[in-house]
Amino acid sequence: MHCNERQRRHSQHVIENSAFYDIGVLGVLIGHPYTNSDNDANTPQLNVVQNNVVEGYGRTLPASFGIAQGSGHDNLYTHNDVYDG
């Protein structure tokens, strides 16, 4: 599979065993806003977010998410504790 620069920056990453706390807005964001040009070559994919704690998010912007996904696919989110947002 051909992999362009944008895909390399946003695909096949692992975020694990981390703690994010007292955060202004988002703890973890995978993806970007959808555009009509999104396809498999430029959309974040095959990322793993596991065994993390996201605590105390949305301190600056209350309408926030601890873990969020924009445009993307085949990303795995498992065993994360998200609270106090």
N, C-alpha and C. Protein backbone atom coordinates (compact mmCIF):
# COMPACT_ATOMS: atom_id res chain seq x y z
N MET A 1 0.84 -1.18 0.00
CA MET A 1 0.00 0.00 0.00
C MET A 1 0.88 1.24 0.00
N HIS A 2 0.58 2.17 -0.84
CA HIS A 2 1.31 3.43 -0.89
C HIS A 2 0.91 4.29 0.29
N CYS A 3 1.86 4.95 0.90
CA CYS A 3 1.61 5.75 2.09
C CYS A 3 2.18 7.15 1.89
N ASN A 4 1.31 8.17 1.84
CA ASN A 4 1.80 9.53 1.64
C ASN A 4 2.21 10.16 2.98
N GLU A 5 2.75 11.37 2.93
CA GLU A 5 3.26 12.03 4.14
C GLU A 5 2.15 12.27 5.17
N ARG A 6 0.98 12.71 4.73
CA ARG A 6 -0.10 12.97 5.68
C ARG A 6 -0.51 11.69 6.39
N GLN A 7 -0.59 10.59 5.66
CA GLN A 7 -0.97 9.33 6.28
C GLN A 7 0.10 8.86 7.25
N ARG A 8 1.36 9.01 6.93
CA ARG A 8 2.44 8.61 7.84
C ARG A 8 2.36 9.37 9.15
N ARG A 9 1.98 10.64 9.09
CA ARG A 9 1.88 11.45 10.30
C ARG A 9 0.71 11.04 11.18
N HIS A 10 -0.32 10.42 10.61
CA HIS A 10 -1.56 10.18 11.34
C HIS A 10 -1.98 8.72 11.41
N SER A 11 -1.14 7.80 11.03
CA SER A 11 -1.54 6.40 11.00
C SER A 11 -0.54 5.51 11.71
N GLN A 12 -1.06 4.43 12.23
CA GLN A 12 -0.26 3.39 12.88
C GLN A 12 0.55 3.89 14.07
N HIS A 13 -0.09 4.71 14.90
CA HIS A 13 0.52 5.18 16.14
C HIS A 13 -0.14 4.47 17.31
N VAL A 14 0.59 4.39 18.41
CA VAL A 14 0.06 3.79 19.63
C VAL A 14 0.21 4.80 20.76
N ILE A 15 -0.91 5.08 21.44
CA ILE A 15 -0.89 5.90 22.66
C ILE A 15 -1.34 4.96 23.76
N GLU A 16 -0.43 4.62 24.66
CA GLU A 16 -0.80 3.66 25.70
C GLU A 16 -0.08 3.94 27.01
N ASN A 17 -0.73 3.49 28.09
CA ASN A 17 -0.17 3.59 29.43
C ASN A 17 0.22 5.02 29.78
N SER A 18 -0.65 5.96 29.43
CA SER A 18 -0.38 7.38 29.67
C SER A 18 -1.46 7.98 30.56
N ALA A 19 -1.12 9.11 31.18
CA ALA A 19 -2.09 9.86 31.98
C ALA A 19 -2.14 11.30 31.48
N PHE A 20 -3.33 11.75 31.15
CA PHE A 20 -3.56 13.13 30.72
C PHE A 20 -4.48 13.74 31.76
N TYR A 21 -4.10 14.86 32.37
CA TYR A 21 -4.93 15.41 33.44
C TYR A 21 -4.84 16.93 33.45
N ASP A 22 -5.89 17.54 34.00
CA ASP A 22 -6.01 19.00 34.11
C ASP A 22 -5.76 19.65 32.75
N ILE A 23 -6.59 19.27 31.78
CA ILE A 23 -6.40 19.66 30.38
C ILE A 23 -7.39 20.76 30.01
N GLY A 24 -6.94 21.71 29.21
CA GLY A 24 -7.80 22.82 28.78
C GLY A 24 -8.95 22.38 27.92
N VAL A 25 -8.71 21.50 26.94
CA VAL A 25 -9.78 21.10 26.02
C VAL A 25 -9.79 19.57 25.89
N LEU A 26 -9.19 19.02 24.85
CA LEU A 26 -9.23 17.59 24.55
C LEU A 26 -8.03 16.84 25.14
N GLY A 27 -8.28 15.61 25.57
CA GLY A 27 -7.18 14.77 26.01
C GLY A 27 -6.46 14.13 24.84
N VAL A 28 -7.21 13.38 24.02
CA VAL A 28 -6.65 12.69 22.86
C VAL A 28 -7.59 12.92 21.68
N LEU A 29 -7.04 13.33 20.56
CA LEU A 29 -7.82 13.51 19.33
C LEU A 29 -7.13 12.76 18.20
N ILE A 30 -7.84 11.82 17.62
CA ILE A 30 -7.34 11.10 16.45
C ILE A 30 -8.22 11.54 15.28
N GLY A 31 -7.61 11.97 14.21
CA GLY A 31 -8.37 12.37 13.04
C GLY A 31 -8.41 13.87 12.86
N HIS A 32 -9.15 14.27 11.88
CA HIS A 32 -9.28 15.67 11.50
C HIS A 32 -10.70 15.88 11.00
N PRO A 33 -11.14 17.14 10.82
CA PRO A 33 -12.49 17.35 10.29
C PRO A 33 -12.62 16.73 8.89
N TYR A 34 -13.79 16.19 8.62
CA TYR A 34 -14.04 15.55 7.33
C TYR A 34 -13.94 16.54 6.19
N THR A 35 -13.34 16.11 5.08
CA THR A 35 -13.34 16.87 3.84
C THR A 35 -13.74 15.93 2.70
N ASN A 36 -14.22 16.49 1.61
CA ASN A 36 -14.64 15.67 0.47
C ASN A 36 -13.48 14.90 -0.15
N SER A 37 -12.27 15.33 0.11
CA SER A 37 -11.10 14.66 -0.47
C SER A 37 -10.57 13.51 0.40
N ASP A 38 -11.23 13.21 1.53
CA ASP A 38 -10.78 12.11 2.39
C ASP A 38 -10.85 10.77 1.66
N ASN A 39 -9.80 9.98 1.81
CA ASN A 39 -9.77 8.63 1.26
C ASN A 39 -8.78 7.81 2.09
N ASP A 40 -8.59 6.57 1.76
CA ASP A 40 -7.68 5.72 2.54
C ASP A 40 -6.25 6.22 2.55
N ALA A 41 -5.86 6.94 1.55
CA ALA A 41 -4.47 7.41 1.47
C ALA A 41 -4.19 8.60 2.37
N ASN A 42 -5.23 9.34 2.81
CA ASN A 42 -4.96 10.54 3.60
C ASN A 42 -5.79 10.64 4.87
N THR A 43 -6.45 9.55 5.26
CA THR A 43 -7.28 9.56 6.45
C THR A 43 -6.59 8.79 7.57
N PRO A 44 -6.55 9.33 8.79
CA PRO A 44 -5.93 8.62 9.90
C PRO A 44 -6.57 7.25 10.12
N GLN A 45 -5.72 6.24 10.27
CA GLN A 45 -6.22 4.87 10.40
C GLN A 45 -5.21 4.00 11.14
N LEU A 46 -5.72 2.90 11.66
CA LEU A 46 -4.88 1.88 12.30
C LEU A 46 -4.10 2.42 13.50
N ASN A 47 -4.69 3.36 14.24
CA ASN A 47 -4.09 3.87 15.46
C ASN A 47 -4.68 3.11 16.65
N VAL A 48 -3.94 3.04 17.74
CA VAL A 48 -4.39 2.35 18.95
C VAL A 48 -4.26 3.31 20.13
N VAL A 49 -5.35 3.44 20.89
CA VAL A 49 -5.36 4.23 22.11
C VAL A 49 -5.84 3.29 23.21
N GLN A 50 -4.92 2.89 24.11
CA GLN A 50 -5.30 1.88 25.10
C GLN A 50 -4.61 2.10 26.44
N ASN A 51 -5.31 1.68 27.48
CA ASN A 51 -4.78 1.71 28.86
C ASN A 51 -4.32 3.10 29.29
N ASN A 52 -5.15 4.10 29.01
CA ASN A 52 -4.83 5.48 29.38
C ASN A 52 -5.83 6.00 30.40
N VAL A 53 -5.44 7.06 31.09
CA VAL A 53 -6.34 7.80 31.97
C VAL A 53 -6.42 9.22 31.44
N VAL A 54 -7.65 9.69 31.22
CA VAL A 54 -7.89 11.08 30.83
C VAL A 54 -8.78 11.66 31.91
N GLU A 55 -8.25 12.57 32.70
CA GLU A 55 -8.95 13.08 33.88
C GLU A 55 -8.86 14.60 33.90
N GLY A 56 -9.97 15.24 34.16
CA GLY A 56 -9.96 16.70 34.30
C GLY A 56 -9.79 17.43 32.99
N TYR A 57 -10.52 17.01 31.96
CA TYR A 57 -10.44 17.67 30.66
C TYR A 57 -11.55 18.72 30.54
N GLY A 58 -11.44 19.58 29.56
CA GLY A 58 -12.46 20.61 29.34
C GLY A 58 -12.40 21.75 30.33
N ARG A 59 -11.24 22.02 30.88
CA ARG A 59 -11.12 23.10 31.86
C ARG A 59 -11.28 24.49 31.23
N THR A 60 -10.86 24.64 29.98
CA THR A 60 -11.01 25.91 29.28
C THR A 60 -12.28 25.95 28.44
N LEU A 61 -12.56 24.86 27.75
CA LEU A 61 -13.75 24.73 26.91
C LEU A 61 -14.58 23.55 27.43
N PRO A 62 -15.59 23.83 28.25
CA PRO A 62 -16.32 22.75 28.91
C PRO A 62 -16.97 21.74 27.96
N ALA A 63 -17.34 22.13 26.76
CA ALA A 63 -17.97 21.20 25.81
C ALA A 63 -16.90 20.41 25.05
N SER A 64 -16.08 19.69 25.78
CA SER A 64 -14.95 18.96 25.20
C SER A 64 -15.12 17.46 25.43
N PHE A 65 -14.23 16.71 24.83
CA PHE A 65 -14.22 15.26 24.96
C PHE A 65 -12.89 14.81 25.54
N GLY A 66 -12.91 13.76 26.33
CA GLY A 66 -11.66 13.19 26.83
C GLY A 66 -10.89 12.50 25.72
N ILE A 67 -11.61 11.72 24.91
CA ILE A 67 -11.04 11.05 23.75
C ILE A 67 -12.02 11.28 22.59
N ALA A 68 -11.52 11.76 21.47
CA ALA A 68 -12.38 12.06 20.33
C ALA A 68 -11.75 11.57 19.04
N GLN A 69 -12.62 11.28 18.07
CA GLN A 69 -12.14 10.91 16.75
C GLN A 69 -12.83 11.77 15.71
N GLY A 70 -12.03 12.34 14.82
CA GLY A 70 -12.55 13.05 13.66
C GLY A 70 -12.67 12.05 12.52
N SER A 71 -12.42 12.50 11.31
CA SER A 71 -12.47 11.62 10.16
C SER A 71 -11.33 10.60 10.28
N GLY A 72 -11.65 9.34 10.20
CA GLY A 72 -10.66 8.28 10.30
C GLY A 72 -11.37 6.94 10.36
N HIS A 73 -10.63 5.86 10.30
CA HIS A 73 -11.24 4.54 10.38
C HIS A 73 -10.24 3.51 10.89
N ASP A 74 -10.80 2.40 11.35
CA ASP A 74 -10.01 1.28 11.86
C ASP A 74 -9.05 1.68 12.97
N ASN A 75 -9.51 2.59 13.82
CA ASN A 75 -8.75 2.97 15.01
C ASN A 75 -9.34 2.22 16.20
N LEU A 76 -8.49 1.79 17.12
CA LEU A 76 -8.93 1.00 18.26
C LEU A 76 -8.79 1.82 19.54
N TYR A 77 -9.90 1.89 20.31
CA TYR A 77 -9.92 2.57 21.61
C TYR A 77 -10.35 1.53 22.63
N THR A 78 -9.47 1.19 23.57
CA THR A 78 -9.82 0.14 24.53
C THR A 78 -9.16 0.37 25.89
N HIS A 79 -9.89 0.04 26.93
CA HIS A 79 -9.40 0.09 28.31
C HIS A 79 -8.85 1.46 28.70
N ASN A 80 -9.61 2.50 28.40
CA ASN A 80 -9.25 3.86 28.79
C ASN A 80 -10.22 4.33 29.87
N ASP A 81 -9.72 4.99 30.90
CA ASP A 81 -10.56 5.59 31.93
C ASP A 81 -10.65 7.08 31.63
N VAL A 82 -11.87 7.55 31.41
CA VAL A 82 -12.10 8.95 31.07
C VAL A 82 -13.13 9.50 32.06
N TYR A 83 -12.75 10.53 32.83
CA TYR A 83 -13.67 11.06 33.83
C TYR A 83 -13.32 12.50 34.20
N ASP A 84 -14.25 13.13 34.91
CA ASP A 84 -14.14 14.50 35.42
C ASP A 84 -13.95 15.50 34.29
N GLY A 85 -14.84 15.45 33.30
CA GLY A 85 -14.77 16.40 32.20
C GLY A 85 -15.96 17.31 32.19
